[in-house]
Amino acid sequence: MLTYTVELSKAYRLLNHGPVILISASHNGKQNIMAAAWNMPLDFDPPRITVVIDKNTYTRELIEASGSFAISVPCVAQIDIVRKVGTSSGRDLINTDKFALYDLETFPSKQITAPLLKGCVAWLECKVIPEPHSQNTYDLFIAEVVAAYADEFVFSDGRWHFEGHDDYVPYTTWRVGRFLPRALQFKPLFSFCKSIG
């Protein structure tokens, strides 16, 4: 068996981290959306999740001000949206935001103020559980899920069912390869989730 020694600074790339998600937040009439690759469930009851959000992102500023954020789980068909919101910063936009700039359709959350992105396969409304040490040291946010929804076309009875619905598969680094043009298959998809949100 041949093995390849992986640089420790790249060891995180060996893990299946789940779907690339879109995180939206709003506060005082400002809103933003960014792509994030590092996320995971943390607890069942009450449901809690964790996400890593770099301290330099505009979305993080809005999350810290509002105490909440929304997660929209995009599907493979939304790869262009993920690229656009993951490679631009809302902080750089004047008199507009990424939703308007990229003509992103949304619908309102029920428990928080952040918008939810239409066309995704799942949505979670989250309230931050303040953990200053984890947030400041590791950029790790812990949040309680206060509402959750899924597209019943691909999720029902507590399970995903994508058979025959390839465009609806959540956008992940390990599943998406077969759906992308060959030239893009080997570029790590989390590279689109730059820390510029």
N, C-alpha and C. Protein backbone atom coordinates (compact mmCIF):
# COMPACT_ATOMS: atom_id res chain seq x y z
N MET A 1 0.85 -1.18 0.00
CA MET A 1 0.00 0.00 0.00
C MET A 1 0.88 1.24 0.00
N LEU A 2 0.56 2.16 -0.89
CA LEU A 2 1.29 3.43 -0.93
C LEU A 2 0.54 4.46 -0.11
N THR A 3 1.28 5.23 0.65
CA THR A 3 0.65 6.30 1.42
C THR A 3 1.34 7.61 1.09
N TYR A 4 0.62 8.66 1.30
CA TYR A 4 1.11 10.00 1.04
C TYR A 4 1.06 10.76 2.36
N THR A 5 2.14 11.34 2.75
CA THR A 5 2.17 12.12 3.98
C THR A 5 1.55 13.48 3.71
N VAL A 6 0.54 13.79 4.47
CA VAL A 6 -0.19 15.04 4.30
C VAL A 6 0.37 16.06 5.27
N GLU A 7 0.63 17.26 4.77
CA GLU A 7 1.07 18.33 5.66
C GLU A 7 0.01 18.54 6.73
N LEU A 8 0.43 18.72 7.96
CA LEU A 8 -0.55 18.89 9.04
C LEU A 8 -1.43 20.11 8.81
N SER A 9 -0.91 21.12 8.14
CA SER A 9 -1.73 22.30 7.87
C SER A 9 -2.84 22.00 6.86
N LYS A 10 -2.78 20.85 6.20
CA LYS A 10 -3.80 20.44 5.23
C LYS A 10 -4.61 19.24 5.70
N ALA A 11 -4.35 18.76 6.92
CA ALA A 11 -5.02 17.56 7.42
C ALA A 11 -6.54 17.70 7.46
N TYR A 12 -7.04 18.90 7.68
CA TYR A 12 -8.49 19.11 7.73
C TYR A 12 -9.16 18.72 6.43
N ARG A 13 -8.43 18.74 5.33
CA ARG A 13 -9.00 18.42 4.02
C ARG A 13 -9.34 16.92 3.89
N LEU A 14 -8.88 16.11 4.80
CA LEU A 14 -9.14 14.68 4.74
C LEU A 14 -10.52 14.31 5.31
N LEU A 15 -11.14 15.23 5.99
CA LEU A 15 -12.40 14.94 6.66
C LEU A 15 -13.59 15.32 5.79
N ASN A 16 -14.62 14.52 5.87
CA ASN A 16 -15.88 14.87 5.22
C ASN A 16 -16.59 15.83 6.15
N HIS A 17 -16.68 17.05 5.76
CA HIS A 17 -17.25 18.07 6.65
C HIS A 17 -18.72 18.34 6.39
N GLY A 18 -19.35 17.62 5.52
CA GLY A 18 -20.76 17.86 5.27
C GLY A 18 -20.98 18.86 4.16
N PRO A 19 -22.19 19.37 4.04
CA PRO A 19 -22.49 20.26 2.93
C PRO A 19 -21.89 21.65 3.10
N VAL A 20 -21.56 22.25 1.98
CA VAL A 20 -21.25 23.68 1.99
C VAL A 20 -22.59 24.36 2.25
N ILE A 21 -22.59 25.31 3.15
CA ILE A 21 -23.84 26.00 3.50
C ILE A 21 -23.73 27.48 3.18
N LEU A 22 -24.87 28.12 3.11
CA LEU A 22 -24.92 29.56 2.96
C LEU A 22 -25.45 30.12 4.26
N ILE A 23 -24.71 31.04 4.84
CA ILE A 23 -25.10 31.65 6.11
C ILE A 23 -25.53 33.08 5.83
N SER A 24 -26.73 33.41 6.28
CA SER A 24 -27.22 34.78 6.13
C SER A 24 -27.47 35.38 7.51
N ALA A 25 -27.33 36.68 7.58
CA ALA A 25 -27.57 37.40 8.82
C ALA A 25 -28.06 38.79 8.48
N SER A 26 -28.77 39.39 9.43
CA SER A 26 -29.22 40.77 9.22
C SER A 26 -29.28 41.49 10.56
N HIS A 27 -29.08 42.80 10.49
CA HIS A 27 -29.17 43.64 11.68
C HIS A 27 -29.31 45.10 11.24
N ASN A 28 -30.26 45.79 11.84
CA ASN A 28 -30.48 47.22 11.57
C ASN A 28 -30.57 47.56 10.08
N GLY A 29 -31.33 46.77 9.35
CA GLY A 29 -31.53 47.04 7.94
C GLY A 29 -30.41 46.59 7.01
N LYS A 30 -29.35 46.02 7.56
CA LYS A 30 -28.25 45.50 6.75
C LYS A 30 -28.37 43.98 6.72
N GLN A 31 -28.01 43.36 5.60
CA GLN A 31 -28.05 41.91 5.51
C GLN A 31 -26.90 41.42 4.63
N ASN A 32 -26.52 40.17 4.84
CA ASN A 32 -25.44 39.60 4.05
C ASN A 32 -25.61 38.09 4.00
N ILE A 33 -24.91 37.48 3.05
CA ILE A 33 -24.91 36.03 2.89
C ILE A 33 -23.50 35.61 2.49
N MET A 34 -23.03 34.50 3.02
CA MET A 34 -21.70 33.99 2.71
C MET A 34 -21.74 32.47 2.63
N ALA A 35 -20.75 31.90 1.98
CA ALA A 35 -20.61 30.44 1.94
C ALA A 35 -19.70 30.02 3.09
N ALA A 36 -20.00 28.87 3.66
CA ALA A 36 -19.18 28.32 4.75
C ALA A 36 -19.09 26.81 4.59
N ALA A 37 -17.89 26.29 4.74
CA ALA A 37 -17.69 24.86 4.56
C ALA A 37 -17.60 24.10 5.88
N TRP A 38 -17.25 24.77 6.96
CA TRP A 38 -17.05 24.06 8.23
C TRP A 38 -18.29 24.22 9.09
N ASN A 39 -19.08 23.17 9.15
CA ASN A 39 -20.31 23.16 9.93
C ASN A 39 -20.63 21.73 10.31
N MET A 40 -21.34 21.57 11.41
CA MET A 40 -21.75 20.22 11.80
C MET A 40 -22.82 20.27 12.88
N PRO A 41 -23.61 19.19 12.98
CA PRO A 41 -24.55 19.09 14.10
C PRO A 41 -23.76 18.85 15.38
N LEU A 42 -24.30 19.32 16.49
CA LEU A 42 -23.61 19.17 17.77
C LEU A 42 -24.44 18.41 18.79
N ASP A 43 -25.75 18.63 18.77
CA ASP A 43 -26.61 18.00 19.78
C ASP A 43 -28.00 17.80 19.20
N PHE A 44 -28.77 16.90 19.82
CA PHE A 44 -30.10 16.55 19.33
C PHE A 44 -31.23 17.32 20.00
N ASP A 45 -31.23 17.42 21.32
CA ASP A 45 -32.37 17.98 22.04
C ASP A 45 -31.91 18.82 23.22
N PRO A 46 -31.91 20.14 23.09
CA PRO A 46 -32.35 20.88 21.91
C PRO A 46 -31.32 20.76 20.79
N PRO A 47 -31.77 20.91 19.54
CA PRO A 47 -30.85 20.79 18.42
C PRO A 47 -29.85 21.95 18.40
N ARG A 48 -28.58 21.59 18.31
CA ARG A 48 -27.52 22.59 18.26
C ARG A 48 -26.57 22.25 17.12
N ILE A 49 -25.99 23.29 16.55
CA ILE A 49 -25.02 23.12 15.47
C ILE A 49 -23.81 23.99 15.77
N THR A 50 -22.73 23.74 15.05
CA THR A 50 -21.56 24.61 15.12
C THR A 50 -21.18 25.02 13.70
N VAL A 51 -20.68 26.22 13.59
CA VAL A 51 -20.14 26.73 12.32
C VAL A 51 -18.89 27.54 12.64
N VAL A 52 -17.96 27.54 11.71
CA VAL A 52 -16.77 28.37 11.83
C VAL A 52 -16.96 29.56 10.91
N ILE A 53 -16.88 30.76 11.50
CA ILE A 53 -17.07 32.00 10.75
C ILE A 53 -15.91 32.94 11.08
N ASP A 54 -15.06 33.17 10.12
CA ASP A 54 -13.86 33.98 10.32
C ASP A 54 -14.20 35.35 10.88
N LYS A 55 -13.35 35.83 11.76
CA LYS A 55 -13.60 37.12 12.42
C LYS A 55 -13.53 38.31 11.47
N ASN A 56 -13.00 38.13 10.28
CA ASN A 56 -12.90 39.23 9.33
C ASN A 56 -14.11 39.35 8.41
N THR A 57 -15.10 38.48 8.55
CA THR A 57 -16.23 38.52 7.63
C THR A 57 -17.30 39.53 8.07
N TYR A 58 -17.93 40.11 7.09
CA TYR A 58 -19.03 41.03 7.33
C TYR A 58 -20.23 40.29 7.95
N THR A 59 -20.46 39.07 7.49
CA THR A 59 -21.56 38.28 8.04
C THR A 59 -21.39 38.09 9.55
N ARG A 60 -20.17 37.84 9.98
CA ARG A 60 -19.93 37.66 11.41
C ARG A 60 -20.30 38.92 12.19
N GLU A 61 -19.97 40.08 11.65
CA GLU A 61 -20.35 41.34 12.32
C GLU A 61 -21.87 41.37 12.55
N LEU A 62 -22.62 41.00 11.53
CA LEU A 62 -24.08 41.02 11.63
C LEU A 62 -24.58 39.96 12.61
N ILE A 63 -23.94 38.81 12.63
CA ILE A 63 -24.32 37.74 13.57
C ILE A 63 -24.07 38.18 15.00
N GLU A 64 -22.90 38.76 15.24
CA GLU A 64 -22.58 39.20 16.60
C GLU A 64 -23.52 40.32 17.05
N ALA A 65 -23.95 41.17 16.14
CA ALA A 65 -24.86 42.25 16.50
C ALA A 65 -26.28 41.75 16.74
N SER A 66 -26.72 40.76 15.95
CA SER A 66 -28.11 40.29 16.04
C SER A 66 -28.29 39.09 16.95
N GLY A 67 -27.23 38.30 17.14
CA GLY A 67 -27.33 37.09 17.96
C GLY A 67 -27.99 35.92 17.24
N SER A 68 -28.12 36.03 15.93
CA SER A 68 -28.78 34.95 15.18
C SER A 68 -28.27 34.91 13.74
N PHE A 69 -28.56 33.79 13.08
CA PHE A 69 -28.22 33.63 11.67
C PHE A 69 -29.08 32.53 11.08
N ALA A 70 -29.14 32.51 9.77
CA ALA A 70 -29.88 31.46 9.07
C ALA A 70 -28.90 30.66 8.23
N ILE A 71 -29.22 29.37 8.08
CA ILE A 71 -28.45 28.50 7.20
C ILE A 71 -29.38 28.05 6.09
N SER A 72 -28.91 28.20 4.86
CA SER A 72 -29.60 27.66 3.69
C SER A 72 -28.66 26.62 3.10
N VAL A 73 -29.17 25.41 2.87
CA VAL A 73 -28.34 24.33 2.34
C VAL A 73 -28.56 24.28 0.83
N PRO A 74 -27.57 24.76 0.05
CA PRO A 74 -27.74 24.80 -1.40
C PRO A 74 -27.57 23.42 -2.02
N CYS A 75 -28.12 23.27 -3.20
CA CYS A 75 -27.96 22.02 -3.95
C CYS A 75 -26.97 22.25 -5.09
N VAL A 76 -26.60 21.17 -5.73
CA VAL A 76 -25.63 21.24 -6.82
C VAL A 76 -26.04 22.25 -7.90
N ALA A 77 -27.32 22.35 -8.16
CA ALA A 77 -27.80 23.28 -9.19
C ALA A 77 -27.49 24.74 -8.84
N GLN A 78 -27.13 25.01 -7.59
CA GLN A 78 -26.85 26.38 -7.15
C GLN A 78 -25.36 26.67 -7.04
N ILE A 79 -24.53 25.89 -7.72
CA ILE A 79 -23.08 26.07 -7.62
C ILE A 79 -22.64 27.49 -7.94
N ASP A 80 -23.26 28.13 -8.91
CA ASP A 80 -22.87 29.50 -9.27
C ASP A 80 -23.18 30.48 -8.14
N ILE A 81 -24.29 30.29 -7.47
CA ILE A 81 -24.63 31.16 -6.34
C ILE A 81 -23.60 30.99 -5.23
N VAL A 82 -23.24 29.74 -4.93
CA VAL A 82 -22.24 29.48 -3.89
C VAL A 82 -20.94 30.17 -4.24
N ARG A 83 -20.51 30.07 -5.49
CA ARG A 83 -19.28 30.72 -5.92
C ARG A 83 -19.36 32.23 -5.75
N LYS A 84 -20.46 32.81 -6.19
CA LYS A 84 -20.58 34.27 -6.13
C LYS A 84 -20.56 34.79 -4.70
N VAL A 85 -21.39 34.21 -3.83
CA VAL A 85 -21.45 34.74 -2.46
C VAL A 85 -20.24 34.31 -1.64
N GLY A 86 -19.54 33.25 -2.09
CA GLY A 86 -18.37 32.78 -1.36
C GLY A 86 -17.07 33.45 -1.77
N THR A 87 -17.10 34.24 -2.82
CA THR A 87 -15.87 34.89 -3.28
C THR A 87 -16.00 36.41 -3.33
N SER A 88 -16.98 36.95 -2.64
CA SER A 88 -17.14 38.40 -2.57
C SER A 88 -17.52 38.78 -1.15
N SER A 89 -17.27 40.02 -0.81
CA SER A 89 -17.60 40.50 0.52
C SER A 89 -18.70 41.55 0.46
N GLY A 90 -19.70 41.36 1.29
CA GLY A 90 -20.77 42.35 1.39
C GLY A 90 -20.28 43.68 1.93
N ARG A 91 -19.18 43.66 2.65
CA ARG A 91 -18.62 44.89 3.20
C ARG A 91 -18.18 45.84 2.08
N ASP A 92 -17.80 45.27 0.94
CA ASP A 92 -17.31 46.09 -0.18
C ASP A 92 -18.42 46.71 -1.01
N LEU A 93 -19.66 46.35 -0.76
CA LEU A 93 -20.78 46.84 -1.56
C LEU A 93 -21.34 48.13 -0.97
N ILE A 94 -21.59 49.08 -1.83
CA ILE A 94 -22.11 50.37 -1.38
C ILE A 94 -23.54 50.52 -1.91
N ASN A 95 -24.46 50.84 -1.01
CA ASN A 95 -25.87 51.05 -1.34
C ASN A 95 -26.55 49.82 -1.94
N THR A 96 -26.01 48.65 -1.67
CA THR A 96 -26.64 47.40 -2.10
C THR A 96 -26.12 46.27 -1.22
N ASP A 97 -26.54 45.06 -1.47
CA ASP A 97 -26.03 43.90 -0.77
C ASP A 97 -25.97 42.73 -1.75
N LYS A 98 -25.44 41.59 -1.32
CA LYS A 98 -25.29 40.45 -2.21
C LYS A 98 -26.64 39.94 -2.72
N PHE A 99 -27.68 40.05 -1.92
CA PHE A 99 -29.00 39.58 -2.36
C PHE A 99 -29.46 40.36 -3.58
N ALA A 100 -29.31 41.68 -3.52
CA ALA A 100 -29.72 42.52 -4.65
C ALA A 100 -28.74 42.38 -5.81
N LEU A 101 -27.44 42.41 -5.51
CA LEU A 101 -26.42 42.35 -6.55
C LEU A 101 -26.55 41.09 -7.40
N TYR A 102 -26.80 39.94 -6.75
CA TYR A 102 -26.87 38.67 -7.47
C TYR A 102 -28.30 38.22 -7.73
N ASP A 103 -29.27 39.12 -7.46
CA ASP A 103 -30.68 38.83 -7.71
C ASP A 103 -31.12 37.53 -7.03
N LEU A 104 -30.79 37.41 -5.74
CA LEU A 104 -31.11 36.21 -4.98
C LEU A 104 -32.51 36.33 -4.38
N GLU A 105 -33.35 35.36 -4.66
CA GLU A 105 -34.71 35.36 -4.11
C GLU A 105 -34.69 34.76 -2.71
N THR A 106 -35.42 35.40 -1.81
CA THR A 106 -35.46 34.95 -0.42
C THR A 106 -36.90 34.81 0.06
N PHE A 107 -37.04 34.22 1.24
CA PHE A 107 -38.30 34.26 1.95
C PHE A 107 -37.99 34.48 3.42
N PRO A 108 -38.93 35.03 4.17
CA PRO A 108 -38.62 35.43 5.55
C PRO A 108 -38.52 34.25 6.52
N SER A 109 -37.63 34.41 7.48
CA SER A 109 -37.55 33.48 8.60
C SER A 109 -38.75 33.72 9.50
N LYS A 110 -39.03 32.75 10.36
CA LYS A 110 -40.16 32.90 11.29
C LYS A 110 -39.71 33.26 12.70
N GLN A 111 -38.50 32.86 13.10
CA GLN A 111 -38.04 33.07 14.47
C GLN A 111 -36.91 34.10 14.60
N ILE A 112 -36.29 34.46 13.48
CA ILE A 112 -35.16 35.40 13.48
C ILE A 112 -35.37 36.40 12.34
N THR A 113 -34.40 37.30 12.15
CA THR A 113 -34.56 38.32 11.11
C THR A 113 -33.84 38.00 9.80
N ALA A 114 -32.89 37.09 9.81
CA ALA A 114 -32.11 36.79 8.60
C ALA A 114 -32.99 36.14 7.54
N PRO A 115 -32.77 36.51 6.27
CA PRO A 115 -33.56 35.91 5.18
C PRO A 115 -33.07 34.49 4.85
N LEU A 116 -33.98 33.70 4.28
CA LEU A 116 -33.67 32.34 3.82
C LEU A 116 -33.65 32.37 2.29
N LEU A 117 -32.71 31.66 1.68
CA LEU A 117 -32.55 31.67 0.24
C LEU A 117 -33.45 30.64 -0.43
N LYS A 118 -34.27 31.09 -1.37
CA LYS A 118 -35.14 30.18 -2.12
C LYS A 118 -34.31 29.23 -2.98
N GLY A 119 -34.88 28.06 -3.27
CA GLY A 119 -34.24 27.10 -4.16
C GLY A 119 -33.31 26.12 -3.47
N CYS A 120 -33.05 26.33 -2.19
CA CYS A 120 -32.18 25.40 -1.46
C CYS A 120 -32.98 24.16 -1.07
N VAL A 121 -32.29 23.17 -0.48
CA VAL A 121 -32.98 21.94 -0.08
C VAL A 121 -33.30 21.90 1.40
N ALA A 122 -32.70 22.79 2.19
CA ALA A 122 -32.99 22.84 3.62
C ALA A 122 -32.63 24.21 4.18
N TRP A 123 -33.26 24.54 5.30
CA TRP A 123 -33.04 25.83 5.95
C TRP A 123 -33.11 25.64 7.46
N LEU A 124 -32.24 26.33 8.18
CA LEU A 124 -32.24 26.30 9.63
C LEU A 124 -32.16 27.74 10.15
N GLU A 125 -32.99 28.04 11.12
CA GLU A 125 -32.92 29.33 11.79
C GLU A 125 -32.21 29.10 13.12
N CYS A 126 -31.19 29.88 13.40
CA CYS A 126 -30.31 29.61 14.53
C CYS A 126 -30.12 30.84 15.42
N LYS A 127 -30.11 30.60 16.73
CA LYS A 127 -29.79 31.64 17.70
C LYS A 127 -28.47 31.27 18.36
N VAL A 128 -27.56 32.22 18.38
CA VAL A 128 -26.22 31.99 18.91
C VAL A 128 -26.28 31.74 20.41
N ILE A 129 -25.53 30.73 20.85
CA ILE A 129 -25.29 30.47 22.27
C ILE A 129 -23.92 31.10 22.55
N PRO A 130 -23.90 32.22 23.27
CA PRO A 130 -22.63 32.93 23.46
C PRO A 130 -21.55 32.06 24.13
N GLU A 131 -20.45 31.92 23.44
CA GLU A 131 -19.26 31.22 23.94
C GLU A 131 -18.06 32.06 23.52
N PRO A 132 -17.80 33.18 24.21
CA PRO A 132 -16.76 34.13 23.78
C PRO A 132 -15.39 33.49 23.54
N HIS A 133 -14.99 32.56 24.38
CA HIS A 133 -13.67 31.95 24.19
C HIS A 133 -13.60 31.21 22.86
N SER A 134 -14.59 30.38 22.57
CA SER A 134 -14.59 29.61 21.32
C SER A 134 -14.71 30.52 20.10
N GLN A 135 -15.55 31.55 20.22
CA GLN A 135 -15.75 32.47 19.11
C GLN A 135 -14.48 33.27 18.82
N ASN A 136 -13.84 33.79 19.85
CA ASN A 136 -12.68 34.65 19.66
C ASN A 136 -11.40 33.86 19.35
N THR A 137 -11.27 32.68 19.94
CA THR A 137 -10.06 31.89 19.75
C THR A 137 -10.11 31.02 18.50
N TYR A 138 -11.25 30.40 18.25
CA TYR A 138 -11.36 29.43 17.16
C TYR A 138 -12.35 29.84 16.06
N ASP A 139 -12.98 30.99 16.18
CA ASP A 139 -14.01 31.43 15.22
C ASP A 139 -15.18 30.46 15.19
N LEU A 140 -15.37 29.69 16.26
CA LEU A 140 -16.39 28.65 16.34
C LEU A 140 -17.64 29.19 17.04
N PHE A 141 -18.76 29.13 16.33
CA PHE A 141 -20.04 29.56 16.87
C PHE A 141 -20.90 28.35 17.15
N ILE A 142 -21.49 28.32 18.31
CA ILE A 142 -22.45 27.29 18.68
C ILE A 142 -23.82 27.96 18.67
N ALA A 143 -24.78 27.30 18.08
CA ALA A 143 -26.11 27.90 17.98
C ALA A 143 -27.19 26.85 18.19
N GLU A 144 -28.30 27.29 18.73
CA GLU A 144 -29.48 26.43 18.85
C GLU A 144 -30.36 26.63 17.62
N VAL A 145 -30.79 25.54 17.06
CA VAL A 145 -31.70 25.60 15.91
C VAL A 145 -33.10 25.83 16.46
N VAL A 146 -33.71 26.94 16.08
CA VAL A 146 -35.04 27.29 16.59
C VAL A 146 -36.15 27.03 15.59
N ALA A 147 -35.78 26.76 14.34
CA ALA A 147 -36.75 26.37 13.31
C ALA A 147 -35.96 25.70 12.18
N ALA A 148 -36.57 24.71 11.55
CA ALA A 148 -35.91 24.00 10.45
C ALA A 148 -36.96 23.59 9.42
N TYR A 149 -36.56 23.65 8.15
CA TYR A 149 -37.46 23.33 7.04
C TYR A 149 -36.66 22.58 5.98
N ALA A 150 -37.34 21.80 5.16
CA ALA A 150 -36.68 21.11 4.05
C ALA A 150 -37.65 21.04 2.88
N ASP A 151 -37.10 20.92 1.69
CA ASP A 151 -37.90 20.73 0.49
C ASP A 151 -38.44 19.31 0.53
N GLU A 152 -39.75 19.15 0.62
CA GLU A 152 -40.34 17.82 0.75
C GLU A 152 -40.12 16.95 -0.48
N PHE A 153 -39.68 17.57 -1.57
CA PHE A 153 -39.36 16.82 -2.79
C PHE A 153 -38.20 15.86 -2.55
N VAL A 154 -37.26 16.26 -1.65
CA VAL A 154 -36.08 15.44 -1.39
C VAL A 154 -35.88 15.08 0.08
N PHE A 155 -36.77 15.54 0.96
CA PHE A 155 -36.64 15.20 2.39
C PHE A 155 -38.03 15.01 2.97
N SER A 156 -38.28 13.83 3.51
CA SER A 156 -39.54 13.57 4.20
C SER A 156 -39.34 12.41 5.16
N ASP A 157 -40.19 12.33 6.14
CA ASP A 157 -40.10 11.27 7.16
C ASP A 157 -38.71 11.20 7.79
N GLY A 158 -38.07 12.37 7.94
CA GLY A 158 -36.77 12.43 8.60
C GLY A 158 -35.61 11.92 7.77
N ARG A 159 -35.78 11.77 6.45
CA ARG A 159 -34.72 11.22 5.60
C ARG A 159 -34.61 11.96 4.27
N TRP A 160 -33.37 12.00 3.77
CA TRP A 160 -33.13 12.50 2.42
C TRP A 160 -33.46 11.40 1.43
N HIS A 161 -33.97 11.75 0.27
CA HIS A 161 -34.18 10.80 -0.83
C HIS A 161 -33.95 11.51 -2.15
N PHE A 162 -32.72 11.35 -2.67
CA PHE A 162 -32.29 12.05 -3.88
C PHE A 162 -32.38 11.21 -5.13
N GLU A 163 -32.78 9.96 -5.02
CA GLU A 163 -32.80 9.08 -6.19
C GLU A 163 -33.51 9.75 -7.36
N GLY A 164 -32.77 9.88 -8.47
CA GLY A 164 -33.34 10.49 -9.66
C GLY A 164 -33.40 12.00 -9.63
N HIS A 165 -32.85 12.61 -8.61
CA HIS A 165 -32.90 14.07 -8.46
C HIS A 165 -31.50 14.64 -8.25
N ASP A 166 -30.59 14.35 -9.18
CA ASP A 166 -29.19 14.73 -9.02
C ASP A 166 -28.97 16.22 -8.76
N ASP A 167 -29.76 17.09 -9.37
CA ASP A 167 -29.57 18.52 -9.17
C ASP A 167 -29.92 18.97 -7.76
N TYR A 168 -30.61 18.12 -7.01
CA TYR A 168 -31.02 18.48 -5.66
C TYR A 168 -30.05 18.00 -4.58
N VAL A 169 -29.04 17.25 -4.96
CA VAL A 169 -28.08 16.76 -3.98
C VAL A 169 -27.41 17.96 -3.33
N PRO A 170 -27.30 17.98 -1.98
CA PRO A 170 -26.61 19.10 -1.34
C PRO A 170 -25.20 19.25 -1.89
N TYR A 171 -24.77 20.46 -1.95
CA TYR A 171 -23.48 20.84 -2.53
C TYR A 171 -22.37 20.51 -1.54
N THR A 172 -21.65 19.40 -1.77
CA THR A 172 -20.56 19.01 -0.89
C THR A 172 -19.30 18.79 -1.71
N THR A 173 -18.18 18.73 -1.02
CA THR A 173 -16.93 18.50 -1.74
C THR A 173 -16.82 17.06 -2.20
N TRP A 174 -17.46 16.13 -1.54
CA TRP A 174 -17.28 14.72 -1.92
C TRP A 174 -18.35 14.21 -2.86
N ARG A 175 -19.53 14.78 -2.89
CA ARG A 175 -20.59 14.31 -3.79
C ARG A 175 -20.62 15.05 -5.12
N VAL A 176 -20.18 16.29 -5.10
CA VAL A 176 -20.42 17.14 -6.25
C VAL A 176 -19.54 16.80 -7.45
N GLY A 177 -18.43 16.12 -7.25
CA GLY A 177 -17.50 15.84 -8.33
C GLY A 177 -18.14 15.27 -9.58
N ARG A 178 -19.07 14.36 -9.43
CA ARG A 178 -19.65 13.73 -10.61
C ARG A 178 -20.59 14.65 -11.36
N PHE A 179 -20.96 15.79 -10.75
CA PHE A 179 -21.90 16.70 -11.39
C PHE A 179 -21.20 17.87 -12.08
N LEU A 180 -19.92 18.08 -11.80
CA LEU A 180 -19.21 19.23 -12.33
C LEU A 180 -18.47 18.89 -13.61
N PRO A 181 -18.23 19.90 -14.45
CA PRO A 181 -17.36 19.67 -15.60
C PRO A 181 -16.00 19.18 -15.09
N ARG A 182 -15.35 18.31 -15.85
CA ARG A 182 -14.10 17.70 -15.41
C ARG A 182 -13.07 18.75 -14.96
N ALA A 183 -13.01 19.89 -15.61
CA ALA A 183 -12.02 20.91 -15.26
C ALA A 183 -12.19 21.42 -13.83
N LEU A 184 -13.39 21.34 -13.29
CA LEU A 184 -13.63 21.84 -11.94
C LEU A 184 -13.59 20.74 -10.89
N GLN A 185 -13.60 19.49 -11.28
CA GLN A 185 -13.76 18.41 -10.33
C GLN A 185 -12.67 18.35 -9.27
N PHE A 186 -11.48 18.77 -9.61
CA PHE A 186 -10.39 18.58 -8.67
C PHE A 186 -10.05 19.83 -7.87
N LYS A 187 -10.74 20.92 -8.11
CA LYS A 187 -10.53 22.12 -7.31
C LYS A 187 -11.34 21.97 -6.03
N PRO A 188 -10.68 22.08 -4.86
CA PRO A 188 -11.44 21.92 -3.61
C PRO A 188 -12.58 22.94 -3.56
N LEU A 189 -13.78 22.45 -3.37
CA LEU A 189 -14.92 23.35 -3.40
C LEU A 189 -14.94 24.30 -2.22
N PHE A 190 -14.31 23.91 -1.10
CA PHE A 190 -14.33 24.84 0.01
C PHE A 190 -13.43 26.04 -0.27
N SER A 191 -12.68 26.03 -1.37
CA SER A 191 -11.91 27.21 -1.72
C SER A 191 -12.83 28.36 -2.11
N PHE A 192 -14.08 28.04 -2.47
CA PHE A 192 -15.05 29.08 -2.79
C PHE A 192 -15.57 29.74 -1.52
N CYS A 193 -15.28 29.18 -0.38
CA CYS A 193 -15.80 29.67 0.90
C CYS A 193 -14.72 30.50 1.58
N LYS A 194 -14.17 31.45 0.88
CA LYS A 194 -13.11 32.29 1.42
C LYS A 194 -13.63 33.06 2.62
N SER A 195 -12.69 33.46 3.45
CA SER A 195 -13.06 34.19 4.66
C SER A 195 -13.24 35.67 4.39
N ILE A 196 -14.13 35.99 3.46
CA ILE A 196 -14.36 37.39 3.15
C ILE A 196 -15.81 37.78 3.32
N GLY A 197 -16.72 36.79 3.49
CA GLY A 197 -18.15 36.93 3.67
C GLY A 197 -18.65 38.29 3.83
